[in-house]
Amino acid sequence: MLKKPHPLGGTCDTYAISQLPTETPKPIESATKPQLTITSEPNGAEIEIDGEFIGNTLSTNGNISIQVAESAAPTITGNTIEGRAVYAVLLRDDAGGTVSNNTITDHIFGIQIVDRAAPSIVENDFRDIALTSIVYTDSASGEALRNTCQESGLSAGISVSAPADPTLTGNECSITRSS
């Protein structure tokens, strides 16, 4: 575990995949599908990924559930990412990779892409995101393909701020606002 500066201030705990819990939290549907359940306390650990993060359940209450930084280009697929964190997935610096087929619920922001990051965001299901499911800022690019956003609150499905220049194709977002 390393203490790293957090983009929003303070520090956070960063774990390498090899440092994550090794016990199987519950039976899995298939012997070939790895499963990992990670739970953090408020302001607790974030996970920084460079490699594969496949078929896991991640429940967090901190600032960032998963962070991808520098030139990392991981595969983050088939996961359930839930909790009350600010960001479910934050991709920054020159990060790339693929974030696909995940169910992301109960976060303030779903996936935030900043700096020069250029990932593929494909076929994710966003539910109950408080503000925005997919956010592109700075010089971020990449693509968002066939994602669904089922939200409530003060949200936008996808937000792009100049000079960000992603390719957006086949995304479906519905917003329900309560009065």
Foldseek 3Di string as FASTA:
>chain_A
DDWDADPVGDTADEDEPVPADDDDPDDDPDPVFDEDEAEADEQHHEYEDAEEAAQYEYEYRYAENYEYDDAGAYEAENYEQEYAYQEDYEYDHQYEHEHEHYEYENHQEYYEYEDAYAYEYEAYEYEAHAEEHYEYDDQYEHEYEQYEAHYEHHYDHYYYDPPHYYHYYNYYYDYDYDD
